N, C-alpha and C. Protein backbone atom coordinates (compact mmCIF):
# COMPACT_ATOMS: atom_id res chain seq x y z
N MET A 1 116.71 103.59 83.11
CA MET A 1 115.38 103.34 83.69
C MET A 1 115.32 103.72 85.16
N ALA A 2 116.37 103.37 85.92
CA ALA A 2 116.37 103.72 87.34
C ALA A 2 116.31 105.22 87.53
N GLU A 3 117.00 105.97 86.66
CA GLU A 3 116.98 107.42 86.77
C GLU A 3 115.59 107.98 86.48
N ASP A 4 114.87 107.33 85.54
CA ASP A 4 113.49 107.75 85.27
C ASP A 4 112.61 107.58 86.51
N ILE A 5 112.77 106.46 87.21
CA ILE A 5 112.01 106.22 88.44
C ILE A 5 112.30 107.31 89.45
N ARG A 6 113.59 107.62 89.61
CA ARG A 6 113.98 108.59 90.62
C ARG A 6 113.41 109.96 90.30
N ARG A 7 113.49 110.36 89.04
CA ARG A 7 112.94 111.66 88.65
C ARG A 7 111.44 111.71 88.91
N ASP A 8 110.76 110.62 88.61
CA ASP A 8 109.31 110.58 88.80
C ASP A 8 108.96 110.79 90.27
N PHE A 9 109.63 110.08 91.17
CA PHE A 9 109.34 110.21 92.59
C PHE A 9 109.76 111.58 93.12
N GLU A 10 110.82 112.15 92.57
CA GLU A 10 111.21 113.49 92.98
C GLU A 10 110.11 114.50 92.64
N ALA A 11 109.47 114.29 91.49
CA ALA A 11 108.46 115.24 91.03
C ALA A 11 107.18 115.17 91.85
N VAL A 12 106.84 114.01 92.36
CA VAL A 12 105.54 113.84 93.03
C VAL A 12 105.63 113.81 94.55
N ALA A 13 106.84 113.87 95.11
CA ALA A 13 107.00 113.68 96.55
C ALA A 13 106.17 114.67 97.36
N SER A 14 106.16 115.94 96.96
CA SER A 14 105.51 116.96 97.77
C SER A 14 104.00 116.78 97.85
N ARG A 15 103.42 116.11 96.87
CA ARG A 15 101.97 115.91 96.88
C ARG A 15 101.57 114.44 97.04
N TRP A 16 102.53 113.60 97.37
CA TRP A 16 102.28 112.16 97.49
C TRP A 16 101.17 111.84 98.47
N ASP A 17 101.20 112.49 99.63
CA ASP A 17 100.23 112.17 100.69
C ASP A 17 98.84 112.75 100.42
N SER A 18 98.69 113.52 99.35
CA SER A 18 97.37 114.07 99.03
C SER A 18 96.51 113.09 98.25
N ASN A 19 97.10 111.94 97.87
CA ASN A 19 96.36 110.91 97.15
C ASN A 19 95.75 109.94 98.17
N PRO A 20 94.41 109.96 98.31
CA PRO A 20 93.78 109.13 99.35
C PRO A 20 93.99 107.62 99.14
N THR A 21 94.14 107.19 97.89
CA THR A 21 94.37 105.77 97.63
C THR A 21 95.71 105.34 98.21
N ARG A 22 96.74 106.15 97.99
CA ARG A 22 98.06 105.82 98.54
C ARG A 22 98.03 105.79 100.07
N VAL A 23 97.35 106.75 100.65
CA VAL A 23 97.27 106.81 102.11
C VAL A 23 96.54 105.59 102.65
N LYS A 24 95.46 105.19 101.98
CA LYS A 24 94.70 104.03 102.43
C LYS A 24 95.51 102.75 102.31
N ILE A 25 96.24 102.59 101.21
CA ILE A 25 97.07 101.39 101.05
C ILE A 25 98.06 101.29 102.20
N ALA A 26 98.76 102.39 102.48
CA ALA A 26 99.75 102.38 103.56
C ALA A 26 99.10 102.05 104.90
N ARG A 27 97.94 102.64 105.17
CA ARG A 27 97.26 102.38 106.44
C ARG A 27 96.84 100.92 106.53
N ASP A 28 96.28 100.39 105.44
CA ASP A 28 95.83 99.00 105.46
C ASP A 28 97.00 98.04 105.59
N VAL A 29 98.11 98.35 104.92
CA VAL A 29 99.30 97.51 105.04
C VAL A 29 99.83 97.55 106.47
N GLY A 30 99.87 98.74 107.05
CA GLY A 30 100.30 98.85 108.44
C GLY A 30 99.42 98.05 109.38
N ASP A 31 98.11 98.13 109.16
CA ASP A 31 97.19 97.35 110.00
C ASP A 31 97.44 95.84 109.82
N ALA A 32 97.69 95.42 108.58
CA ALA A 32 97.95 94.00 108.32
C ALA A 32 99.24 93.55 108.99
N ILE A 33 100.27 94.39 108.95
CA ILE A 33 101.53 94.05 109.61
C ILE A 33 101.31 93.88 111.11
N MET A 34 100.53 94.78 111.69
CA MET A 34 100.28 94.69 113.14
C MET A 34 99.45 93.46 113.50
N ARG A 35 98.66 92.98 112.55
CA ARG A 35 97.92 91.73 112.79
C ARG A 35 98.82 90.51 112.69
N GLU A 36 99.74 90.54 111.74
CA GLU A 36 100.50 89.34 111.39
C GLU A 36 101.86 89.23 112.10
N VAL A 37 102.37 90.35 112.61
CA VAL A 37 103.68 90.36 113.26
C VAL A 37 103.50 90.88 114.68
N LYS A 38 104.08 90.19 115.62
CA LYS A 38 104.01 90.64 117.02
C LYS A 38 105.06 91.73 117.23
N LEU A 39 104.62 92.98 117.18
CA LEU A 39 105.52 94.10 117.39
C LEU A 39 105.80 94.26 118.88
N SER A 40 106.97 94.81 119.19
CA SER A 40 107.31 95.00 120.60
C SER A 40 108.13 96.27 120.75
N PRO A 41 108.16 96.84 121.96
CA PRO A 41 108.94 98.06 122.21
C PRO A 41 110.45 97.85 122.09
N GLN A 42 110.89 96.62 121.92
CA GLN A 42 112.32 96.34 121.76
C GLN A 42 112.74 96.28 120.29
N MET A 43 111.80 96.33 119.37
CA MET A 43 112.09 96.08 117.96
C MET A 43 112.69 97.30 117.25
N ASP A 44 113.75 97.04 116.49
CA ASP A 44 114.28 98.02 115.55
C ASP A 44 113.79 97.63 114.15
N VAL A 45 113.17 98.58 113.47
CA VAL A 45 112.48 98.31 112.20
C VAL A 45 113.08 99.15 111.09
N LEU A 46 113.22 98.56 109.92
CA LEU A 46 113.62 99.27 108.71
C LEU A 46 112.44 99.30 107.76
N ASP A 47 112.01 100.50 107.36
CA ASP A 47 110.99 100.65 106.33
C ASP A 47 111.71 100.87 105.02
N TYR A 48 111.78 99.81 104.21
CA TYR A 48 112.60 99.81 103.00
C TYR A 48 111.76 100.34 101.83
N GLY A 49 112.22 101.46 101.24
CA GLY A 49 111.42 102.14 100.24
C GLY A 49 110.30 102.92 100.92
N CYS A 50 110.69 103.69 101.92
CA CYS A 50 109.72 104.30 102.84
C CYS A 50 108.88 105.39 102.22
N GLY A 51 109.34 105.97 101.09
CA GLY A 51 108.60 107.09 100.52
C GLY A 51 108.50 108.23 101.51
N THR A 52 107.30 108.76 101.72
CA THR A 52 107.10 109.88 102.63
C THR A 52 106.88 109.43 104.07
N GLY A 53 107.05 108.15 104.33
CA GLY A 53 107.00 107.66 105.70
C GLY A 53 105.62 107.34 106.24
N LEU A 54 104.65 107.15 105.35
CA LEU A 54 103.30 106.83 105.83
C LEU A 54 103.29 105.58 106.71
N LEU A 55 103.99 104.54 106.26
CA LEU A 55 104.03 103.29 107.03
C LEU A 55 104.91 103.44 108.27
N ALA A 56 106.06 104.07 108.10
CA ALA A 56 106.98 104.26 109.23
C ALA A 56 106.31 104.99 110.38
N MET A 57 105.59 106.05 110.06
CA MET A 57 104.95 106.85 111.11
C MET A 57 103.79 106.11 111.76
N GLN A 58 103.17 105.20 111.03
CA GLN A 58 102.09 104.41 111.62
C GLN A 58 102.63 103.40 112.63
N LEU A 59 103.81 102.84 112.34
CA LEU A 59 104.35 101.77 113.18
C LEU A 59 105.20 102.28 114.34
N GLN A 60 105.67 103.52 114.27
CA GLN A 60 106.72 103.95 115.19
C GLN A 60 106.33 103.88 116.67
N SER A 61 105.07 104.09 116.97
CA SER A 61 104.68 104.09 118.38
C SER A 61 104.61 102.68 118.98
N HIS A 62 104.75 101.67 118.14
CA HIS A 62 104.64 100.27 118.60
C HIS A 62 106.00 99.60 118.75
N VAL A 63 107.09 100.29 118.36
CA VAL A 63 108.41 99.66 118.33
C VAL A 63 109.45 100.58 118.94
N HIS A 64 110.68 100.07 119.06
CA HIS A 64 111.77 100.87 119.63
C HIS A 64 112.22 101.96 118.68
N SER A 65 112.43 101.59 117.39
CA SER A 65 112.89 102.58 116.42
C SER A 65 112.46 102.16 115.02
N VAL A 66 112.34 103.16 114.14
CA VAL A 66 112.08 102.92 112.72
C VAL A 66 113.05 103.76 111.92
N SER A 67 113.75 103.13 110.99
CA SER A 67 114.59 103.84 110.04
C SER A 67 113.92 103.79 108.68
N GLY A 68 113.65 104.95 108.11
CA GLY A 68 113.03 105.02 106.79
C GLY A 68 114.09 105.17 105.72
N ALA A 69 114.17 104.20 104.81
CA ALA A 69 115.20 104.20 103.77
C ALA A 69 114.56 104.31 102.40
N ASP A 70 115.09 105.21 101.57
CA ASP A 70 114.54 105.39 100.23
C ASP A 70 115.63 105.94 99.32
N SER A 71 115.45 105.73 98.00
CA SER A 71 116.42 106.23 97.03
C SER A 71 116.08 107.63 96.53
N SER A 72 114.92 108.16 96.91
CA SER A 72 114.50 109.48 96.45
C SER A 72 114.78 110.53 97.51
N PRO A 73 115.69 111.46 97.28
CA PRO A 73 115.94 112.51 98.27
C PRO A 73 114.70 113.33 98.61
N ALA A 74 113.84 113.58 97.62
CA ALA A 74 112.65 114.39 97.89
C ALA A 74 111.67 113.65 98.80
N MET A 75 111.52 112.34 98.59
CA MET A 75 110.66 111.55 99.47
C MET A 75 111.20 111.55 100.89
N VAL A 76 112.49 111.32 101.03
CA VAL A 76 113.11 111.31 102.35
C VAL A 76 112.97 112.68 103.01
N ALA A 77 113.05 113.75 102.23
CA ALA A 77 112.90 115.10 102.78
C ALA A 77 111.51 115.31 103.36
N VAL A 78 110.48 114.77 102.69
CA VAL A 78 109.13 114.88 103.23
C VAL A 78 109.02 114.16 104.57
N LEU A 79 109.59 112.96 104.65
CA LEU A 79 109.57 112.24 105.93
C LEU A 79 110.36 113.01 106.98
N GLN A 80 111.49 113.57 106.59
CA GLN A 80 112.30 114.32 107.56
C GLN A 80 111.52 115.52 108.09
N ASP A 81 110.72 116.16 107.23
CA ASP A 81 109.88 117.27 107.68
C ASP A 81 108.85 116.79 108.72
N LYS A 82 108.28 115.60 108.49
CA LYS A 82 107.33 115.04 109.46
C LYS A 82 108.03 114.79 110.80
N ILE A 83 109.24 114.26 110.74
CA ILE A 83 109.99 114.00 111.97
C ILE A 83 110.25 115.30 112.73
N THR A 84 110.63 116.34 111.99
CA THR A 84 110.90 117.63 112.61
C THR A 84 109.65 118.22 113.25
N THR A 85 108.52 118.06 112.56
CA THR A 85 107.27 118.66 113.03
C THR A 85 106.66 117.86 114.18
N LEU A 86 106.60 116.53 114.00
CA LEU A 86 105.89 115.68 114.96
C LEU A 86 106.76 115.19 116.11
N LYS A 87 108.08 115.23 115.89
CA LYS A 87 109.06 114.84 116.93
C LYS A 87 108.74 113.48 117.56
N PRO A 88 108.65 112.42 116.75
CA PRO A 88 108.37 111.10 117.35
C PRO A 88 109.52 110.59 118.22
N GLY A 89 110.74 111.03 117.94
CA GLY A 89 111.87 110.65 118.80
C GLY A 89 112.54 109.34 118.45
N ASN A 90 111.89 108.52 117.63
CA ASN A 90 112.49 107.21 117.33
C ASN A 90 112.46 106.89 115.83
N VAL A 91 112.31 107.91 115.00
CA VAL A 91 112.28 107.71 113.54
C VAL A 91 113.45 108.46 112.92
N SER A 92 114.20 107.76 112.06
CA SER A 92 115.33 108.36 111.37
C SER A 92 115.21 108.05 109.87
N THR A 93 116.08 108.62 109.08
CA THR A 93 116.03 108.41 107.63
C THR A 93 117.42 108.08 107.11
N GLN A 94 117.45 107.42 105.94
CA GLN A 94 118.70 107.19 105.23
C GLN A 94 118.41 107.05 103.74
N LEU A 95 119.32 107.58 102.94
CA LEU A 95 119.23 107.44 101.49
C LEU A 95 119.92 106.16 101.08
N VAL A 96 119.24 105.33 100.29
CA VAL A 96 119.81 104.05 99.84
C VAL A 96 119.53 103.85 98.36
N ASP A 97 120.36 103.04 97.74
CA ASP A 97 120.13 102.60 96.37
C ASP A 97 121.03 101.39 96.15
N PHE A 98 120.55 100.22 96.63
CA PHE A 98 121.45 99.07 96.67
C PHE A 98 121.88 98.61 95.29
N GLU A 99 121.08 98.94 94.24
CA GLU A 99 121.49 98.57 92.89
C GLU A 99 122.73 99.34 92.45
N ARG A 100 122.96 100.49 93.07
CA ARG A 100 124.13 101.30 92.75
C ARG A 100 125.18 101.25 93.85
N GLY A 101 125.00 100.34 94.79
CA GLY A 101 126.00 100.15 95.83
C GLY A 101 125.81 101.00 97.06
N ALA A 102 124.72 101.78 97.13
CA ALA A 102 124.43 102.58 98.32
C ALA A 102 123.52 101.76 99.22
N HIS A 103 124.12 100.93 100.06
CA HIS A 103 123.37 99.98 100.86
C HIS A 103 122.84 100.62 102.14
N ALA A 104 121.72 100.11 102.61
CA ALA A 104 121.20 100.54 103.91
C ALA A 104 122.16 100.10 105.00
N SER A 105 122.18 100.85 106.08
CA SER A 105 123.04 100.53 107.21
C SER A 105 122.20 100.11 108.41
N GLY A 106 122.84 99.46 109.36
CA GLY A 106 122.17 99.01 110.55
C GLY A 106 121.73 97.56 110.46
N THR A 107 121.27 97.03 111.58
CA THR A 107 120.66 95.70 111.61
C THR A 107 119.33 95.81 112.32
N TYR A 108 118.39 94.96 111.90
CA TYR A 108 116.99 95.17 112.28
C TYR A 108 116.31 93.86 112.67
N ASP A 109 115.33 94.01 113.56
CA ASP A 109 114.49 92.88 113.93
C ASP A 109 113.40 92.63 112.89
N LEU A 110 113.02 93.68 112.17
CA LEU A 110 111.93 93.59 111.20
C LEU A 110 112.19 94.57 110.07
N ILE A 111 112.02 94.09 108.84
CA ILE A 111 112.04 94.96 107.66
C ILE A 111 110.64 94.95 107.08
N VAL A 112 110.08 96.14 106.88
CA VAL A 112 108.77 96.27 106.25
C VAL A 112 108.94 97.01 104.94
N SER A 113 108.01 96.76 104.02
CA SER A 113 108.08 97.41 102.71
C SER A 113 106.70 97.34 102.08
N SER A 114 106.26 98.46 101.53
CA SER A 114 104.91 98.53 100.94
C SER A 114 104.97 99.07 99.52
N MET A 115 104.54 98.27 98.58
CA MET A 115 104.40 98.67 97.18
C MET A 115 105.74 99.13 96.58
N VAL A 116 106.79 98.42 96.97
CA VAL A 116 108.14 98.77 96.52
C VAL A 116 108.72 97.70 95.61
N THR A 117 108.43 96.44 95.91
CA THR A 117 109.11 95.32 95.26
C THR A 117 108.97 95.35 93.74
N HIS A 118 107.84 95.83 93.22
CA HIS A 118 107.65 95.82 91.76
C HIS A 118 108.55 96.83 91.06
N HIS A 119 109.18 97.74 91.83
CA HIS A 119 110.11 98.71 91.25
C HIS A 119 111.55 98.19 91.24
N ILE A 120 111.80 97.02 91.80
CA ILE A 120 113.15 96.47 91.90
C ILE A 120 113.31 95.37 90.85
N PRO A 121 114.26 95.51 89.92
CA PRO A 121 114.37 94.52 88.84
C PRO A 121 114.62 93.09 89.33
N ASP A 122 115.54 92.91 90.26
CA ASP A 122 115.96 91.57 90.68
C ASP A 122 115.44 91.29 92.10
N THR A 123 114.31 90.61 92.17
CA THR A 123 113.67 90.34 93.47
C THR A 123 114.54 89.46 94.35
N ALA A 124 115.21 88.49 93.75
CA ALA A 124 116.06 87.59 94.53
C ALA A 124 117.20 88.35 95.20
N GLU A 125 117.79 89.31 94.48
CA GLU A 125 118.86 90.11 95.07
C GLU A 125 118.33 91.00 96.18
N LEU A 126 117.12 91.50 96.03
CA LEU A 126 116.50 92.30 97.08
C LEU A 126 116.34 91.47 98.36
N PHE A 127 115.88 90.23 98.21
CA PHE A 127 115.72 89.37 99.38
C PHE A 127 117.06 89.11 100.06
N LYS A 128 118.13 88.97 99.27
CA LYS A 128 119.47 88.78 99.86
C LYS A 128 119.89 90.03 100.63
N GLU A 129 119.56 91.20 100.08
CA GLU A 129 119.88 92.44 100.77
C GLU A 129 119.14 92.53 102.10
N TRP A 130 117.87 92.18 102.09
CA TRP A 130 117.11 92.20 103.34
C TRP A 130 117.69 91.21 104.35
N GLN A 131 118.08 90.04 103.86
CA GLN A 131 118.68 89.04 104.76
C GLN A 131 119.93 89.61 105.42
N ARG A 132 120.74 90.34 104.66
CA ARG A 132 121.96 90.94 105.20
C ARG A 132 121.68 91.92 106.33
N LEU A 133 120.54 92.61 106.24
CA LEU A 133 120.21 93.67 107.18
C LEU A 133 119.49 93.18 108.44
N LEU A 134 119.10 91.92 108.46
CA LEU A 134 118.33 91.40 109.58
C LEU A 134 119.22 90.84 110.69
N LYS A 135 118.77 91.01 111.91
CA LYS A 135 119.38 90.33 113.04
C LYS A 135 119.00 88.84 112.98
N PRO A 136 119.70 87.99 113.73
CA PRO A 136 119.29 86.58 113.78
C PRO A 136 117.82 86.44 114.15
N HIS A 137 117.12 85.59 113.43
CA HIS A 137 115.69 85.34 113.62
C HIS A 137 114.82 86.55 113.24
N GLY A 138 115.41 87.51 112.52
CA GLY A 138 114.65 88.68 112.10
C GLY A 138 113.59 88.32 111.07
N GLN A 139 112.64 89.24 110.90
CA GLN A 139 111.51 89.01 110.01
C GLN A 139 111.41 90.09 108.94
N ILE A 140 110.76 89.73 107.84
CA ILE A 140 110.37 90.70 106.83
C ILE A 140 108.85 90.63 106.69
N ALA A 141 108.27 91.77 106.35
CA ALA A 141 106.83 91.84 106.07
C ALA A 141 106.65 92.84 104.94
N PHE A 142 106.36 92.33 103.76
CA PHE A 142 106.29 93.23 102.61
C PHE A 142 104.98 93.03 101.84
N ALA A 143 104.49 94.12 101.30
CA ALA A 143 103.21 94.13 100.60
C ALA A 143 103.41 94.59 99.16
N ASP A 144 102.68 93.96 98.26
CA ASP A 144 102.71 94.39 96.87
C ASP A 144 101.50 93.79 96.16
N LEU A 145 101.40 94.10 94.88
CA LEU A 145 100.25 93.67 94.09
C LEU A 145 100.33 92.20 93.71
N ASP A 146 99.18 91.53 93.72
CA ASP A 146 99.09 90.25 93.04
C ASP A 146 99.30 90.48 91.53
N ALA A 147 99.65 89.41 90.83
CA ALA A 147 99.89 89.52 89.39
C ALA A 147 98.71 90.18 88.69
N GLU A 148 99.02 91.15 87.81
CA GLU A 148 97.97 91.87 87.09
C GLU A 148 98.44 92.12 85.66
N ASP A 149 97.58 92.73 84.85
CA ASP A 149 97.87 92.85 83.41
C ASP A 149 98.53 94.15 83.01
N GLY A 150 98.97 94.94 83.97
CA GLY A 150 99.61 96.22 83.66
C GLY A 150 98.68 97.40 83.75
N SER A 151 97.43 97.15 84.10
CA SER A 151 96.45 98.24 84.15
C SER A 151 96.58 99.09 85.41
N PHE A 152 97.18 98.57 86.44
CA PHE A 152 97.16 99.26 87.73
C PHE A 152 97.82 100.64 87.64
N HIS A 153 99.02 100.71 87.08
CA HIS A 153 99.75 101.97 87.04
C HIS A 153 99.37 102.85 85.85
N GLY A 154 98.90 102.25 84.78
CA GLY A 154 98.68 103.05 83.57
C GLY A 154 100.01 103.29 82.87
N ASP A 155 100.82 104.18 83.40
CA ASP A 155 102.18 104.39 82.91
C ASP A 155 103.10 103.46 83.69
N ASN A 156 103.65 102.47 83.00
CA ASN A 156 104.46 101.46 83.68
C ASN A 156 105.96 101.75 83.63
N THR A 157 106.32 103.02 83.41
CA THR A 157 107.73 103.40 83.49
C THR A 157 108.26 103.08 84.88
N GLY A 158 109.35 102.34 84.92
CA GLY A 158 109.93 102.00 86.21
C GLY A 158 109.26 100.87 86.93
N VAL A 159 108.29 100.23 86.29
CA VAL A 159 107.61 99.07 86.88
C VAL A 159 108.21 97.82 86.25
N PHE A 160 108.94 97.05 87.02
CA PHE A 160 109.64 95.89 86.50
C PHE A 160 108.85 94.60 86.63
N HIS A 161 107.80 94.64 87.45
CA HIS A 161 106.97 93.45 87.66
C HIS A 161 105.52 93.88 87.69
N LEU A 162 104.69 93.22 86.90
CA LEU A 162 103.25 93.51 86.92
C LEU A 162 102.60 92.66 88.01
N GLY A 163 102.89 93.04 89.24
CA GLY A 163 102.46 92.25 90.38
C GLY A 163 103.28 90.97 90.47
N PHE A 164 102.87 90.10 91.40
CA PHE A 164 103.64 88.90 91.68
C PHE A 164 102.72 87.71 91.93
N ASP A 165 103.24 86.54 91.59
CA ASP A 165 102.62 85.29 91.98
C ASP A 165 103.13 84.93 93.38
N ARG A 166 102.23 84.78 94.32
CA ARG A 166 102.64 84.56 95.71
C ARG A 166 103.46 83.28 95.88
N ALA A 167 103.09 82.23 95.14
CA ALA A 167 103.81 80.96 95.26
C ALA A 167 105.26 81.11 94.79
N LYS A 168 105.46 81.89 93.72
CA LYS A 168 106.82 82.08 93.22
C LYS A 168 107.66 82.90 94.20
N LEU A 169 107.04 83.88 94.85
CA LEU A 169 107.76 84.64 95.87
C LEU A 169 108.16 83.74 97.04
N ARG A 170 107.27 82.84 97.41
CA ARG A 170 107.60 81.88 98.47
C ARG A 170 108.84 81.07 98.10
N GLU A 171 108.91 80.61 96.86
CA GLU A 171 110.07 79.85 96.40
C GLU A 171 111.34 80.68 96.49
N LEU A 172 111.27 81.93 96.07
CA LEU A 172 112.44 82.80 96.12
C LEU A 172 112.88 83.05 97.57
N LEU A 173 111.92 83.22 98.45
CA LEU A 173 112.25 83.46 99.85
C LEU A 173 112.91 82.23 100.49
N LEU A 174 112.37 81.06 100.21
CA LEU A 174 112.97 79.84 100.74
C LEU A 174 114.38 79.66 100.20
N ALA A 175 114.57 79.97 98.92
CA ALA A 175 115.90 79.85 98.31
C ALA A 175 116.88 80.85 98.92
N ALA A 176 116.37 81.98 99.39
CA ALA A 176 117.22 83.01 100.00
C ALA A 176 117.52 82.71 101.47
N GLY A 177 116.93 81.65 102.00
CA GLY A 177 117.24 81.27 103.38
C GLY A 177 116.18 81.64 104.40
N PHE A 178 115.05 82.16 103.94
CA PHE A 178 113.97 82.47 104.86
C PHE A 178 113.13 81.23 105.15
N SER A 179 112.40 81.27 106.25
CA SER A 179 111.50 80.18 106.60
C SER A 179 110.21 80.78 107.14
N SER A 180 109.30 79.91 107.54
CA SER A 180 108.02 80.35 108.12
C SER A 180 107.34 81.39 107.23
N VAL A 181 107.31 81.12 105.93
CA VAL A 181 106.71 82.06 104.98
C VAL A 181 105.20 81.92 105.02
N ARG A 182 104.52 83.03 105.23
CA ARG A 182 103.06 83.00 105.21
C ARG A 182 102.54 84.25 104.50
N GLU A 183 101.37 84.13 103.91
CA GLU A 183 100.83 85.24 103.14
C GLU A 183 99.37 85.46 103.48
N SER A 184 98.93 86.70 103.28
CA SER A 184 97.54 87.08 103.48
C SER A 184 97.25 88.24 102.53
N THR A 185 95.99 88.62 102.45
CA THR A 185 95.61 89.78 101.65
C THR A 185 95.48 90.97 102.58
N ALA A 186 96.31 91.99 102.34
CA ALA A 186 96.33 93.17 103.20
C ALA A 186 95.20 94.12 102.88
N THR A 187 94.93 94.29 101.58
CA THR A 187 93.89 95.23 101.15
C THR A 187 93.59 94.97 99.69
N SER A 188 92.67 95.71 99.15
CA SER A 188 92.35 95.66 97.73
C SER A 188 92.11 97.08 97.24
N VAL A 189 92.64 97.39 96.08
CA VAL A 189 92.52 98.74 95.54
C VAL A 189 91.52 98.72 94.39
N ARG A 190 90.51 99.56 94.49
CA ARG A 190 89.50 99.67 93.43
C ARG A 190 89.88 100.81 92.50
N LYS A 191 89.96 100.50 91.21
CA LYS A 191 90.24 101.52 90.21
C LYS A 191 89.28 101.35 89.04
N GLU A 192 89.03 102.45 88.35
CA GLU A 192 88.22 102.38 87.14
C GLU A 192 89.16 102.26 85.95
N ILE A 193 89.03 101.15 85.23
CA ILE A 193 89.88 100.88 84.08
C ILE A 193 88.98 100.74 82.85
N GLY A 194 89.15 101.62 81.89
CA GLY A 194 88.32 101.56 80.69
C GLY A 194 86.84 101.70 80.99
N GLY A 195 86.54 102.50 82.00
CA GLY A 195 85.14 102.72 82.36
C GLY A 195 84.52 101.63 83.22
N GLN A 196 85.32 100.64 83.58
CA GLN A 196 84.82 99.53 84.39
C GLN A 196 85.59 99.46 85.71
N PRO A 197 84.90 99.21 86.83
CA PRO A 197 85.60 99.08 88.11
C PRO A 197 86.43 97.79 88.16
N ARG A 198 87.64 97.88 88.68
CA ARG A 198 88.51 96.71 88.83
C ARG A 198 89.04 96.69 90.26
N GLU A 199 89.23 95.50 90.77
CA GLU A 199 89.83 95.32 92.09
C GLU A 199 91.24 94.75 91.92
N PHE A 200 92.20 95.34 92.60
CA PHE A 200 93.58 94.90 92.55
C PHE A 200 94.00 94.50 93.96
N PRO A 201 94.04 93.19 94.26
CA PRO A 201 94.43 92.75 95.61
C PRO A 201 95.91 93.06 95.91
N VAL A 202 96.17 93.40 97.15
CA VAL A 202 97.52 93.64 97.64
C VAL A 202 97.81 92.62 98.73
N PHE A 203 98.85 91.82 98.55
CA PHE A 203 99.20 90.78 99.52
C PHE A 203 100.15 91.33 100.58
N LEU A 204 100.22 90.64 101.68
CA LEU A 204 101.28 90.81 102.66
C LEU A 204 101.94 89.46 102.86
N ILE A 205 103.26 89.42 102.67
CA ILE A 205 104.02 88.20 102.93
C ILE A 205 104.95 88.45 104.11
N VAL A 206 104.93 87.55 105.05
CA VAL A 206 105.79 87.60 106.23
C VAL A 206 106.71 86.38 106.19
N ALA A 207 107.99 86.58 106.45
CA ALA A 207 108.94 85.47 106.50
C ALA A 207 109.99 85.78 107.56
N GLN A 208 110.70 84.74 107.98
CA GLN A 208 111.64 84.89 109.10
C GLN A 208 112.93 84.15 108.80
N LEU A 209 114.03 84.68 109.31
CA LEU A 209 115.28 83.94 109.26
C LEU A 209 115.27 82.86 110.33
N PRO A 210 115.79 81.69 110.01
CA PRO A 210 115.83 80.61 111.01
C PRO A 210 116.65 81.00 112.24
């Protein structure tokens, strides 16, 4: 299943940013992060599951550095092309796949992630991985879908969670050692399902290490 996910992202990486819905989600999530987290020029940030770097490039001018980490070489290559072209000076990339032992490197003041968590089978293990990568008192800010019936993706290959219950995520975060857990709605995605418009809310959860 993990290989199916990787192949899928490899196939769509070059045209990922041409989808206005994806671009809007990333922009709205970035705006929500900037509302909910006090960014500073001293912050080192990890964008976990960065894809083509839409979120990383939005945040980079507000922080010291952003490292974009993803398991798809093609997605990382698109971000690397942006870095080469735009020369932000503080954005780097790394290939990761913690389920296969390829862990992210570095330590960070903030880990951000957008629409990634539903692709990870074991959410609790993901939270432990993020905890490992954080500096003392570091924060996470991640966005994903509220619980839904499977209609959002259509093809649910590689989708391990049909959205999430926010209260259950709070429990998992507290169990993983995080505190100060708070949630908000970052955006909502409108899609036509069976000829009818549907709204799919996207949450942002922020938590901090004690």
